[in-house]
Amino acid sequence: MTRIGCLADVPPGTMIAAALEGRPIVVANLGDEVVAFQNSCLHAGVRLSEGLLNGAVVTCRWHQWRYCLRSGEVLTDESPYATFTTFPVDVRDGEMYVHHSPRTTITARPDVAEPR
């Protein structure tokens, strides 16, 4: 696990960009849970840290692709992807620690051709 920062720096309903072993991630405080996920939209690579957080869903600012932060599910119907990369987060004594092993990874939808 890597210490990312203080929970107080990420109030409920907000998110911050961070890095996990040099990999760009986002840490979001959903109010009842802190989650971490890749900082790149699967569609065009736009930073998800600049997107809109609404509950447990982040929406990319460019083409409005949507991602469920609790399940790792890609919510955009036209996406060839079923899931994206998320990481478990532990909060201890007000500090946030992100696990190095992903909770979910990028997978293709079973009903579409393999993404390129």
C-alpha atoms as a PDB file:
ATOM      1  CA  MET A   1       0.000   0.000   0.000  1.00  0.00           C
ATOM      2  CA  THR A   2       1.018   3.581  -0.599  1.00  0.00           C
ATOM      3  CA  ARG A   3       0.028   6.513   1.589  1.00  0.00           C
ATOM      4  CA  ILE A   4      -1.724   9.033  -0.658  1.00  0.00           C
ATOM      5  CA  GLY A   5      -2.604  11.770   1.825  1.00  0.00           C
ATOM      6  CA  CYS A   6      -4.956  12.975   4.524  1.00  0.00           C
ATOM      7  CA  LEU A   7      -8.655  12.243   4.308  1.00  0.00           C
ATOM      8  CA  ALA A   8      -9.307  15.835   5.429  1.00  0.00           C
ATOM      9  CA  ASP A   9      -7.835  17.004   2.101  1.00  0.00           C
ATOM     10  CA  VAL A  10     -10.622  15.219   0.188  1.00  0.00           C
ATOM     11  CA  PRO A  11     -14.007  16.283   1.611  1.00  0.00           C
ATOM     12  CA  PRO A  12     -17.047  14.123   0.795  1.00  0.00           C
ATOM     13  CA  GLY A  13     -18.144  14.585  -2.809  1.00  0.00           C
ATOM     14  CA  THR A  14     -14.703  15.626  -4.055  1.00  0.00           C
ATOM     15  CA  MET A  15     -11.721  13.971  -5.708  1.00  0.00           C
ATOM     16  CA  ILE A  16      -8.022  14.678  -6.188  1.00  0.00           C
ATOM     17  CA  ALA A  17      -5.375  13.530  -8.651  1.00  0.00           C
ATOM     18  CA  ALA A  18      -2.558  11.463  -7.165  1.00  0.00           C
ATOM     19  CA  ALA A  19       0.036   8.902  -8.190  1.00  0.00           C
ATOM     20  CA  LEU A  20       0.436   5.254  -7.259  1.00  0.00           C
ATOM     21  CA  GLU A  21       3.945   4.028  -8.008  1.00  0.00           C
ATOM     22  CA  GLY A  22       4.157   6.619 -10.792  1.00  0.00           C
ATOM     23  CA  ARG A  23       0.771   5.663 -12.243  1.00  0.00           C
ATOM     24  CA  PRO A  24      -1.762   8.536 -12.401  1.00  0.00           C
ATOM     25  CA  ILE A  25      -4.820   7.819 -10.268  1.00  0.00           C
ATOM     26  CA  VAL A  26      -7.719   9.690  -8.720  1.00  0.00           C
ATOM     27  CA  VAL A  27      -8.874   9.405  -5.122  1.00  0.00           C
ATOM     28  CA  ALA A  28     -12.551  10.216  -4.505  1.00  0.00           C
ATOM     29  CA  ASN A  29     -14.421  10.562  -1.224  1.00  0.00           C
ATOM     30  CA  LEU A  30     -17.932   9.228  -1.786  1.00  0.00           C
ATOM     31  CA  GLY A  31     -18.981  10.120   1.760  1.00  0.00           C
ATOM     32  CA  ASP A  32     -19.258   6.575   3.060  1.00  0.00           C
ATOM     33  CA  GLU A  33     -16.292   5.183   1.125  1.00  0.00           C
ATOM     34  CA  VAL A  34     -13.011   6.373  -0.355  1.00  0.00           C
ATOM     35  CA  VAL A  35     -12.148   4.919  -3.759  1.00  0.00           C
ATOM     36  CA  ALA A  36      -9.224   5.163  -6.168  1.00  0.00           C
ATOM     37  CA  PHE A  37      -9.264   4.684  -9.924  1.00  0.00           C
ATOM     38  CA  GLN A  38      -7.231   5.257 -13.086  1.00  0.00           C
ATOM     39  CA  ASN A  39      -6.924   8.902 -14.128  1.00  0.00           C
ATOM     40  CA  SER A  40      -7.589   8.286 -17.800  1.00  0.00           C
ATOM     41  CA  CYS A  41     -10.855   7.899 -19.694  1.00  0.00           C
ATOM     42  CA  LEU A  42     -10.881   4.701 -21.732  1.00  0.00           C
ATOM     43  CA  HIS A  43     -12.370   6.561 -24.680  1.00  0.00           C
ATOM     44  CA  ALA A  44      -9.864   9.327 -25.407  1.00  0.00           C
ATOM     45  CA  GLY A  45      -7.442   9.396 -22.484  1.00  0.00           C
ATOM     46  CA  VAL A  46      -8.813  12.593 -20.910  1.00  0.00           C
ATOM     47  CA  ARG A  47      -7.984  12.939 -17.196  1.00  0.00           C
ATOM     48  CA  LEU A  48     -10.933  11.717 -15.143  1.00  0.00           C
ATOM     49  CA  SER A  49      -9.736  13.924 -12.272  1.00  0.00           C
ATOM     50  CA  GLU A  50     -11.141  16.816 -14.335  1.00  0.00           C
ATOM     51  CA  GLY A  51     -14.508  15.084 -14.727  1.00  0.00           C
ATOM     52  CA  LEU A  52     -17.750  15.486 -12.815  1.00  0.00           C
ATOM     53  CA  LEU A  53     -18.285  13.441  -9.654  1.00  0.00           C
ATOM     54  CA  ASN A  54     -21.948  12.736  -8.938  1.00  0.00           C
ATOM     55  CA  GLY A  55     -22.443  10.260  -6.104  1.00  0.00           C
ATOM     56  CA  ALA A  56     -20.430   7.173  -7.019  1.00  0.00           C
ATOM     57  CA  VAL A  57     -20.244   8.002 -10.743  1.00  0.00           C
ATOM     58  CA  VAL A  58     -17.577  10.051 -12.491  1.00  0.00           C
ATOM     59  CA  THR A  59     -18.324  11.472 -15.936  1.00  0.00           C
ATOM     60  CA  CYS A  60     -15.556  12.385 -18.371  1.00  0.00           C
ATOM     61  CA  ARG A  61     -15.733  16.050 -19.334  1.00  0.00           C
ATOM     62  CA  TRP A  62     -15.011  15.448 -23.004  1.00  0.00           C
ATOM     63  CA  HIS A  63     -17.458  12.840 -24.338  1.00  0.00           C
ATOM     64  CA  GLN A  64     -19.428  12.103 -21.148  1.00  0.00           C
ATOM     65  CA  TRP A  65     -18.321   8.515 -20.693  1.00  0.00           C
ATOM     66  CA  ARG A  66     -19.494   7.400 -17.234  1.00  0.00           C
ATOM     67  CA  TYR A  67     -17.812   5.120 -14.697  1.00  0.00           C
ATOM     68  CA  CYS A  68     -19.181   3.561 -11.502  1.00  0.00           C
ATOM     69  CA  LEU A  69     -16.516   3.995  -8.847  1.00  0.00           C
ATOM     70  CA  ARG A  70     -17.918   1.360  -6.475  1.00  0.00           C
ATOM     71  CA  SER A  71     -18.097  -1.510  -8.987  1.00  0.00           C
ATOM     72  CA  GLY A  72     -15.570  -0.432 -11.629  1.00  0.00           C
ATOM     73  CA  GLU A  73     -18.285  -0.764 -14.273  1.00  0.00           C
ATOM     74  CA  VAL A  74     -18.196   1.370 -17.421  1.00  0.00           C
ATOM     75  CA  LEU A  75     -21.734   2.782 -17.667  1.00  0.00           C
ATOM     76  CA  THR A  76     -21.549   4.123 -21.232  1.00  0.00           C
ATOM     77  CA  ASP A  77     -23.547   1.903 -23.598  1.00  0.00           C
ATOM     78  CA  GLU A  78     -21.353   2.519 -26.654  1.00  0.00           C
ATOM     79  CA  SER A  79     -18.177   1.570 -24.784  1.00  0.00           C
ATOM     80  CA  PRO A  80     -16.512  -1.701 -25.803  1.00  0.00           C
ATOM     81  CA  TYR A  81     -15.314  -1.982 -22.185  1.00  0.00           C
ATOM     82  CA  ALA A  82     -17.199  -3.561 -19.297  1.00  0.00           C
ATOM     83  CA  THR A  83     -14.897  -2.395 -16.489  1.00  0.00           C
ATOM     84  CA  PHE A  84     -11.993  -0.052 -15.803  1.00  0.00           C
ATOM     85  CA  THR A  85      -9.188  -0.034 -13.244  1.00  0.00           C
ATOM     86  CA  THR A  86     -10.012   0.713  -9.609  1.00  0.00           C
ATOM     87  CA  PHE A  87      -7.985   0.235  -6.443  1.00  0.00           C
ATOM     88  CA  PRO A  88      -8.999  -0.510  -2.849  1.00  0.00           C
ATOM     89  CA  VAL A  89      -8.358   2.278  -0.334  1.00  0.00           C
ATOM     90  CA  ASP A  90      -7.870   1.913   3.407  1.00  0.00           C
ATOM     91  CA  VAL A  91      -8.382   4.877   5.716  1.00  0.00           C
ATOM     92  CA  ARG A  92      -6.521   4.663   9.024  1.00  0.00           C
ATOM     93  CA  ASP A  93      -6.116   7.441  11.547  1.00  0.00           C
ATOM     94  CA  GLY A  94      -7.233   9.994   8.969  1.00  0.00           C
ATOM     95  CA  GLU A  95      -4.688   8.842   6.361  1.00  0.00           C
ATOM     96  CA  MET A  96      -5.546   7.269   2.979  1.00  0.00           C
ATOM     97  CA  TYR A  97      -3.627   4.221   1.743  1.00  0.00           C
ATOM     98  CA  VAL A  98      -4.143   2.817  -1.761  1.00  0.00           C
ATOM     99  CA  HIS A  99      -3.460  -0.856  -2.446  1.00  0.00           C
ATOM    100  CA  HIS A 100      -1.091  -1.624  -5.312  1.00  0.00           C
ATOM    101  CA  SER A 101      -3.204  -4.527  -6.600  1.00  0.00           C
ATOM    102  CA  PRO A 102      -6.288  -3.361  -8.494  1.00  0.00           C
ATOM    103  CA  ARG A 103      -9.782  -4.251  -7.302  1.00  0.00           C
ATOM    104  CA  THR A 104     -11.018  -4.211 -10.919  1.00  0.00           C
ATOM    105  CA  THR A 105      -9.143  -4.025 -14.218  1.00  0.00           C
ATOM    106  CA  ILE A 106     -10.008  -3.128 -17.791  1.00  0.00           C
ATOM    107  CA  THR A 107     -12.123  -5.823 -19.409  1.00  0.00           C
ATOM    108  CA  ALA A 108     -14.015  -5.961 -22.690  1.00  0.00           C
ATOM    109  CA  ARG A 109     -17.769  -6.368 -22.903  1.00  0.00           C
ATOM    110  CA  PRO A 110     -18.526  -9.973 -23.794  1.00  0.00           C
ATOM    111  CA  ASP A 111     -21.021  -8.945 -26.489  1.00  0.00           C
ATOM    112  CA  VAL A 112     -18.631  -6.772 -28.560  1.00  0.00           C
ATOM    113  CA  ALA A 113     -15.398  -7.275 -30.446  1.00  0.00           C
ATOM    114  CA  GLU A 114     -12.174  -6.962 -28.484  1.00  0.00           C
ATOM    115  CA  PRO A 115     -11.153  -3.272 -28.080  1.00  0.00           C
ATOM    116  CA  ARG A 116      -8.022  -2.162 -29.890  1.00  0.00           C
END
